[in-house]
Amino acid sequence: MSININPAVASMLFANTSNTAGSIDFSFLTQSSSGTAASANVGSVKSALVNAEKNELRQLALTAKDPQIQKDLARYEKVVKNAKSIDDVLNDPVARKVLMTANGLKSDVDNIALAKKAMMSDPNDAKSVARRMSGINGAWLDFAKSYNLAEYGLDTLSPQQDGVAGRWKIQFERAGEPIEAMLEITKVRGGGYQATIDGVVTPVIVDANNNITLNSLWRDAADELRTSSFTGKLTKDGLSGTFTNDGETASAEWKAPAYFANALQTVRDNYIGEKRLDMLDAQMPGLGSAVLFKQSAKNMKDAVDILGSPLGREVVTTAFNIPKQIAVQSMAAQQKAITQRMDPAKLQNDHFVDQIAQRYL
């Protein structure tokens, strides 16, 4: 078998990263005697896999600079920041592609109706679309759990702050113990505000300059009910200030950045990561999938996990020559087809996973 490899990418994949005497020089893979792109034979598969992993940071940096990827991400961020509902995001082809690709759902990128129902699913509802689809692609349930749009709306895609109103991650230290909780502040009629900390109603006062005062109840080591008084203000980085505990004079600092402050960056990083894998696949068919399989294999505890992961299903069935047609059989029959050829428990072993990845390629 021969595989054509783009010279520029081949030099990245097969670069000799060591100057130690005796190390193998893979430069022959980038050029043929005629100066054209060289072909990699089966013997180079292991080296390609090793070097693809070794050069991950460089590959990610190059991928992030791709003009089309930058354009896609800019469009996604613009759409999400202006969206009123998940429909607004999914109705935009580019935003939909970015969000779904970043979350392992690119194979269903054109199935808008399914996406709308699954993404708004309650992850705790056994009858929800995301739950029912998890047997086909576990990424649907992963999305519902990670973003929980049913509960938080678009906040998990782009923080929905309005002055002090919004969801904040309040952070402070009390009695030497770090505390982190969700502070949710909402506007009410008459210009007032309501607040909860991890769902517990907390008295709050906000003045015209967005200065804030919170009084939170808590129990100390002796199970005595205490009060902490937080005062602070809104800054470009969120809420911050000082607090004191009743019966004490010393104060300490607290801060509260947007609870989902990393939402846009998470999608950005995941999208770039997925596009990097696509680029590896384009240079050596299956290479990106093999790299990702090695990273995620330990999350597949049994045959159900393998079958519920499009990646796991693809790599394992290919590596062990299991016909794709098993997909039309019962789940029990599909599980048997897997377990007759391999022990899923061995996916916790790096060497075994590496062997499967090489067999897949």
Protein backbone atom coordinates (compact mmCIF):
# COMPACT_ATOMS: atom_id res chain seq x y z
CA MET A 1 0.00 0.00 0.00
CA SER A 2 1.31 3.49 -0.79
CA ILE A 3 0.04 6.81 0.52
CA ASN A 4 0.78 10.19 -1.04
CA ILE A 5 1.95 12.73 1.50
CA ASN A 6 2.14 16.46 1.00
CA PRO A 7 5.84 17.43 1.37
CA ALA A 8 5.26 20.31 3.79
CA VAL A 9 3.08 18.27 6.11
CA ALA A 10 5.28 15.21 5.78
CA SER A 11 8.25 17.23 6.99
CA MET A 12 6.18 18.16 10.03
CA LEU A 13 4.98 14.61 10.67
CA PHE A 14 8.23 12.82 10.08
CA ALA A 15 10.68 15.50 11.18
CA ASN A 16 13.76 14.18 12.92
CA THR A 17 13.36 16.01 16.24
CA SER A 18 16.60 14.68 17.67
CA ASN A 19 20.16 15.41 16.60
CA THR A 20 21.46 12.39 18.44
CA ALA A 21 23.76 10.22 16.36
CA GLY A 22 22.05 7.12 15.07
CA SER A 23 18.53 8.58 15.07
CA ILE A 24 16.44 7.73 12.01
CA ASP A 25 16.16 10.41 9.34
CA PHE A 26 12.71 10.42 7.72
CA SER A 27 13.52 13.15 5.22
CA PHE A 28 13.34 10.55 2.42
CA LEU A 29 9.56 10.54 2.92
CA THR A 30 9.21 14.12 1.73
CA GLN A 31 10.92 13.79 -1.60
CA SER A 32 11.39 11.27 -4.35
CA SER A 33 14.35 11.16 -6.68
CA SER A 34 12.33 13.24 -9.12
CA GLY A 35 11.59 15.88 -6.50
CA THR A 36 7.88 15.02 -6.30
CA ALA A 37 5.89 14.01 -3.22
CA ALA A 38 7.10 10.70 -1.88
CA SER A 39 5.01 7.71 -0.84
CA ALA A 40 4.94 6.21 2.63
CA ASN A 41 4.76 2.43 2.81
CA VAL A 42 3.18 0.40 5.58
CA GLY A 43 6.45 0.39 7.51
CA SER A 44 6.24 4.16 8.01
CA VAL A 45 2.83 4.04 9.69
CA LYS A 46 4.19 3.69 13.22
CA SER A 47 6.62 6.55 12.69
CA ALA A 48 3.88 8.74 11.25
CA LEU A 49 1.70 8.05 14.29
CA VAL A 50 4.51 8.75 16.76
CA ASN A 51 5.56 11.97 15.07
CA ALA A 52 2.00 13.21 14.64
CA GLU A 53 1.64 12.99 18.42
CA LYS A 54 5.08 14.41 19.11
CA ASN A 55 4.47 17.47 16.94
CA GLU A 56 0.95 18.17 18.20
CA LEU A 57 1.63 21.69 19.49
CA ARG A 58 3.29 22.74 16.26
CA GLN A 59 0.46 21.27 14.21
CA LEU A 60 -2.16 23.05 16.33
CA ALA A 61 -0.33 26.36 15.94
CA LEU A 62 -0.21 25.96 12.16
CA THR A 63 -3.87 24.94 12.03
CA ALA A 64 -4.91 27.96 14.09
CA LYS A 65 -3.26 30.24 11.51
CA ASP A 66 -5.24 28.81 8.60
CA PRO A 67 -7.22 31.75 7.09
CA GLN A 68 -10.38 29.69 6.53
CA ILE A 69 -10.38 28.39 10.09
CA GLN A 70 -9.89 31.91 11.43
CA LYS A 71 -12.79 33.07 9.26
CA ASP A 72 -15.02 30.23 10.51
CA LEU A 73 -14.27 31.03 14.15
CA ALA A 74 -14.84 34.75 13.69
CA ARG A 75 -18.23 34.03 12.15
CA TYR A 76 -19.15 31.62 14.93
CA GLU A 77 -18.30 34.10 17.67
CA LYS A 78 -20.26 36.87 15.96
CA VAL A 79 -23.34 34.67 15.55
CA VAL A 80 -23.25 33.29 19.09
CA LYS A 81 -22.80 36.71 20.70
CA ASN A 82 -25.85 38.05 18.85
CA ALA A 83 -28.02 34.93 19.07
CA LYS A 84 -31.28 34.91 21.00
CA SER A 85 -31.71 31.14 20.91
CA ILE A 86 -29.90 27.99 19.81
CA ASP A 87 -31.98 28.14 16.62
CA ASP A 88 -30.13 31.32 15.62
CA VAL A 89 -26.81 29.49 15.98
CA LEU A 90 -27.86 26.33 14.16
CA ASN A 91 -29.57 28.20 11.33
CA ASP A 92 -26.24 29.75 10.40
CA PRO A 93 -24.28 27.17 8.32
CA VAL A 94 -20.84 28.28 9.48
CA ALA A 95 -21.74 28.64 13.16
CA ARG A 96 -23.45 25.25 13.06
CA LYS A 97 -20.42 23.64 11.44
CA VAL A 98 -18.05 25.09 14.03
CA LEU A 99 -20.16 24.17 17.06
CA MET A 100 -20.94 20.64 15.92
CA THR A 101 -17.43 19.89 14.65
CA ALA A 102 -15.95 21.13 17.92
CA ASN A 103 -18.15 18.68 19.81
CA GLY A 104 -17.71 15.51 17.77
CA LEU A 105 -20.95 15.92 15.81
CA LYS A 106 -19.70 16.89 12.36
CA SER A 107 -21.17 13.76 10.76
CA ASP A 108 -24.65 15.16 11.54
CA VAL A 109 -23.91 18.78 10.64
CA ASP A 110 -26.72 18.86 8.05
CA ASN A 111 -29.30 17.30 10.37
CA ILE A 112 -30.54 20.59 11.80
CA ALA A 113 -33.84 19.28 13.17
CA LEU A 114 -32.08 16.55 15.14
CA ALA A 115 -29.47 19.00 16.42
CA LYS A 116 -32.09 21.43 17.73
CA LYS A 117 -33.93 18.70 19.63
CA ALA A 118 -30.86 16.90 20.95
CA MET A 119 -29.01 20.03 22.03
CA MET A 120 -31.99 21.29 24.00
CA SER A 121 -32.46 17.91 25.69
CA ASP A 122 -32.49 17.52 29.44
CA PRO A 123 -29.43 15.29 30.01
CA ASN A 124 -31.11 13.79 33.07
CA ASP A 125 -34.23 12.73 31.17
CA ALA A 126 -33.94 9.08 30.11
CA LYS A 127 -36.43 9.72 27.29
CA SER A 128 -34.69 12.81 25.90
CA VAL A 129 -33.42 12.86 22.32
CA ALA A 130 -29.81 13.14 23.48
CA ARG A 131 -30.21 10.07 25.69
CA ARG A 132 -31.85 8.05 22.94
CA MET A 133 -29.22 9.10 20.40
CA SER A 134 -26.33 8.25 22.72
CA GLY A 135 -26.44 4.62 21.62
CA ILE A 136 -25.60 5.77 18.08
CA ASN A 137 -23.31 8.66 18.93
CA GLY A 138 -22.43 9.35 22.55
CA ALA A 139 -21.37 12.88 21.60
CA TRP A 140 -25.03 13.97 21.64
CA LEU A 141 -25.36 13.16 25.33
CA ASP A 142 -21.90 14.58 26.03
CA PHE A 143 -23.03 17.85 24.46
CA ALA A 144 -26.26 17.94 26.48
CA LYS A 145 -24.32 17.31 29.70
CA SER A 146 -21.52 19.77 28.96
CA TYR A 147 -23.67 22.68 27.80
CA ASN A 148 -27.06 21.89 29.34
CA LEU A 149 -28.80 24.46 27.16
CA ALA A 150 -32.12 23.31 28.60
CA GLU A 151 -31.13 24.84 31.95
CA TYR A 152 -28.62 27.56 31.13
CA GLY A 153 -29.63 28.65 27.64
CA LEU A 154 -26.96 30.30 25.52
CA ASP A 155 -24.93 31.21 28.61
CA THR A 156 -22.82 28.09 28.13
CA LEU A 157 -21.96 29.15 24.57
CA SER A 158 -21.36 32.84 25.29
CA PRO A 159 -21.79 34.48 28.73
CA GLN A 160 -25.07 36.41 28.86
CA GLN A 161 -24.10 39.13 31.34
CA ASP A 162 -26.15 42.34 31.60
CA GLY A 163 -24.37 44.61 34.05
CA VAL A 164 -24.26 42.67 37.32
CA ALA A 165 -27.06 40.39 36.15
CA GLY A 166 -25.93 36.98 34.98
CA ARG A 167 -24.22 33.83 36.21
CA TRP A 168 -20.92 34.30 38.03
CA LYS A 169 -18.37 31.93 39.53
CA ILE A 170 -17.85 33.37 43.01
CA GLN A 171 -14.48 32.41 44.48
CA PHE A 172 -13.01 33.08 47.92
CA GLU A 173 -11.29 31.39 50.84
CA ARG A 174 -12.92 30.86 54.22
CA ALA A 175 -11.22 29.25 57.22
CA GLY A 176 -8.40 28.15 54.93
CA GLU A 177 -10.78 26.36 52.58
CA PRO A 178 -11.21 27.49 48.95
CA ILE A 179 -14.87 28.07 48.07
CA GLU A 180 -16.31 28.17 44.56
CA ALA A 181 -20.01 28.43 43.73
CA MET A 182 -22.46 29.70 41.13
CA LEU A 183 -23.75 33.17 41.94
CA GLU A 184 -26.80 33.97 39.84
CA ILE A 185 -28.15 37.52 39.83
CA THR A 186 -31.37 38.41 38.03
CA LYS A 187 -33.27 41.64 37.54
CA VAL A 188 -36.79 41.93 38.93
CA ARG A 189 -39.61 44.39 38.42
CA GLY A 190 -39.09 47.83 39.83
CA GLY A 191 -35.37 47.87 39.09
CA GLY A 192 -34.37 45.52 41.90
CA TYR A 193 -32.32 42.33 41.88
CA GLN A 194 -32.51 38.79 43.23
CA ALA A 195 -29.57 36.49 43.87
CA THR A 196 -28.86 32.86 44.63
CA ILE A 197 -25.62 31.08 45.49
CA ASP A 198 -25.74 27.47 44.33
CA GLY A 199 -29.51 27.78 44.29
CA VAL A 200 -29.84 29.22 47.82
CA VAL A 201 -31.59 32.59 47.95
CA THR A 202 -29.15 35.29 49.03
CA PRO A 203 -30.07 38.91 49.91
CA VAL A 204 -28.52 41.34 47.43
CA ILE A 205 -28.38 45.11 46.97
CA VAL A 206 -27.10 46.78 43.79
CA ASP A 207 -26.78 50.57 43.58
CA ALA A 208 -26.84 52.83 40.52
CA ASN A 209 -23.07 52.45 40.07
CA ASN A 210 -23.23 48.64 40.03
CA ASN A 211 -21.75 48.38 43.52
CA ILE A 212 -23.02 45.16 45.07
CA THR A 213 -23.66 43.85 48.59
CA LEU A 214 -24.42 40.20 49.33
CA ASN A 215 -25.20 38.54 52.66
CA SER A 216 -24.66 34.79 52.58
CA LEU A 217 -25.53 32.29 55.30
CA TRP A 218 -23.20 29.36 56.06
CA ARG A 219 -22.41 26.92 58.87
CA ASP A 220 -19.06 26.78 60.61
CA ALA A 221 -17.21 23.73 61.97
CA ALA A 222 -19.36 23.81 65.10
CA ASP A 223 -22.50 23.77 62.92
CA GLU A 224 -23.31 27.32 64.01
CA LEU A 225 -25.17 29.48 61.49
CA ARG A 226 -22.98 32.39 60.34
CA THR A 227 -23.25 35.29 57.89
CA SER A 228 -20.68 36.55 55.41
CA SER A 229 -21.11 40.06 54.02
CA PHE A 230 -19.68 40.60 50.53
CA THR A 231 -19.19 44.05 49.04
CA GLY A 232 -17.76 44.72 45.62
CA LYS A 233 -18.18 46.22 42.19
CA LEU A 234 -18.39 45.31 38.54
CA THR A 235 -15.15 45.48 36.55
CA LYS A 236 -14.11 44.32 33.09
CA ASP A 237 -13.07 40.98 34.64
CA GLY A 238 -16.34 40.43 36.51
CA LEU A 239 -17.34 41.12 40.10
CA SER A 240 -14.76 41.56 42.85
CA GLY A 241 -14.36 43.04 46.32
CA THR A 242 -13.92 42.07 49.97
CA PHE A 243 -15.98 40.18 52.53
CA THR A 244 -16.14 39.78 56.29
CA ASN A 245 -17.65 37.09 58.48
CA ASP A 246 -19.91 38.07 61.38
CA GLY A 247 -18.01 38.36 64.63
CA GLU A 248 -14.75 39.09 62.80
CA THR A 249 -13.02 42.33 61.85
CA ALA A 250 -10.57 41.00 59.27
CA SER A 251 -11.66 41.08 55.64
CA ALA A 252 -10.62 38.96 52.68
CA GLU A 253 -10.87 39.26 48.92
CA TRP A 254 -13.42 37.60 46.67
CA LYS A 255 -13.94 37.58 42.92
CA ALA A 256 -16.55 36.32 40.50
CA PRO A 257 -15.71 36.05 36.80
CA ALA A 258 -18.47 35.04 34.38
CA TYR A 259 -19.37 31.44 35.20
CA PHE A 260 -18.95 30.34 31.60
CA ALA A 261 -16.11 32.75 30.81
CA ASN A 262 -14.22 30.10 28.82
CA ALA A 263 -17.17 29.10 26.63
CA LEU A 264 -15.97 30.66 23.38
CA GLN A 265 -12.35 29.62 23.93
CA THR A 266 -13.38 26.01 24.56
CA VAL A 267 -15.19 25.80 21.22
CA ARG A 268 -12.29 27.56 19.51
CA ASP A 269 -9.72 25.11 20.91
CA ASN A 270 -11.86 22.07 20.12
CA TYR A 271 -12.55 23.23 16.56
CA ILE A 272 -8.87 23.83 15.88
CA GLY A 273 -8.10 20.41 17.36
CA GLU A 274 -10.65 18.72 15.12
CA LYS A 275 -9.42 20.55 12.02
CA ARG A 276 -5.86 19.50 12.85
CA LEU A 277 -7.03 15.88 12.86
CA ASP A 278 -8.82 16.42 9.55
CA MET A 279 -5.59 17.75 8.07
CA LEU A 280 -3.69 14.70 9.32
CA ASP A 281 -6.35 12.46 7.76
CA ALA A 282 -5.97 14.32 4.48
CA GLN A 283 -2.24 13.63 4.38
CA MET A 284 -2.36 10.01 5.54
CA PRO A 285 -5.86 8.52 5.50
CA GLY A 286 -6.97 7.65 9.02
CA LEU A 287 -3.99 9.24 10.79
CA GLY A 288 -6.04 11.90 12.56
CA SER A 289 -8.63 9.35 13.62
CA ALA A 290 -5.89 7.05 14.94
CA VAL A 291 -4.34 9.87 16.98
CA LEU A 292 -7.71 10.82 18.48
CA PHE A 293 -8.51 7.17 19.22
CA LYS A 294 -5.31 6.85 21.22
CA GLN A 295 -6.30 9.92 23.25
CA SER A 296 -9.87 8.81 23.96
CA ALA A 297 -9.66 5.00 24.12
CA LYS A 298 -9.48 4.90 27.93
CA ASN A 299 -12.96 6.41 28.07
CA MET A 300 -14.33 3.31 26.32
CA LYS A 301 -14.91 0.85 29.14
CA ASP A 302 -16.94 -1.76 27.25
CA ALA A 303 -18.39 -2.70 23.87
CA VAL A 304 -21.34 -0.35 24.38
CA ASP A 305 -18.96 2.60 24.74
CA ILE A 306 -17.09 1.54 21.61
CA LEU A 307 -20.27 1.22 19.57
CA GLY A 308 -21.64 4.50 20.95
CA SER A 309 -18.58 6.36 19.72
CA PRO A 310 -18.43 6.87 15.93
CA LEU A 311 -14.65 7.03 16.28
CA GLY A 312 -14.43 3.90 18.43
CA ARG A 313 -16.77 2.00 16.12
CA GLU A 314 -14.81 3.05 13.01
CA VAL A 315 -11.34 2.27 14.38
CA VAL A 316 -12.18 -1.01 16.13
CA THR A 317 -14.31 -2.48 13.33
CA THR A 318 -11.67 -1.58 10.76
CA ALA A 319 -8.73 -2.80 12.84
CA PHE A 320 -10.40 -6.16 13.52
CA ASN A 321 -12.02 -6.57 10.09
CA ILE A 322 -15.54 -6.46 11.50
CA PRO A 323 -18.07 -5.80 8.70
CA LYS A 324 -19.72 -2.37 8.83
CA GLN A 325 -23.02 -4.14 8.21
CA ILE A 326 -23.20 -5.14 11.88
CA ALA A 327 -24.78 -1.70 12.39
CA VAL A 328 -28.13 -3.14 11.25
CA GLN A 329 -27.97 -5.98 13.78
CA SER A 330 -29.25 -5.92 17.34
CA MET A 331 -27.11 -4.19 19.96
CA ALA A 332 -26.44 -7.56 21.60
CA ALA A 333 -25.17 -8.98 18.30
CA GLN A 334 -22.96 -5.94 17.73
CA GLN A 335 -21.47 -6.21 21.21
CA LYS A 336 -20.74 -9.89 20.62
CA ALA A 337 -18.98 -9.07 17.35
CA ILE A 338 -16.67 -6.75 19.29
CA THR A 339 -16.00 -8.92 22.33
CA GLN A 340 -15.30 -12.02 20.24
CA ARG A 341 -12.34 -10.23 18.69
CA MET A 342 -11.04 -8.09 21.55
CA ASP A 343 -11.36 -7.44 25.26
CA PRO A 344 -12.56 -3.83 25.71
CA ALA A 345 -10.95 -3.78 29.17
CA LYS A 346 -7.56 -3.83 27.43
CA LEU A 347 -8.23 -0.33 26.10
CA GLN A 348 -6.83 0.86 29.42
CA ASN A 349 -3.45 -0.45 28.24
CA ASP A 350 -1.49 2.07 26.15
CA HIS A 351 0.44 -0.59 24.24
CA PHE A 352 -2.75 -2.42 23.25
CA VAL A 353 -4.36 0.84 22.10
CA ASP A 354 -1.27 1.69 20.06
CA GLN A 355 -1.45 -1.70 18.36
CA ILE A 356 -5.09 -1.12 17.41
CA ALA A 357 -4.26 2.34 16.04
CA GLN A 358 -1.51 0.87 13.88
CA ARG A 359 -3.75 -1.94 12.66
CA TYR A 360 -6.37 0.65 11.76
CA LEU A 361 -3.87 2.52 9.60
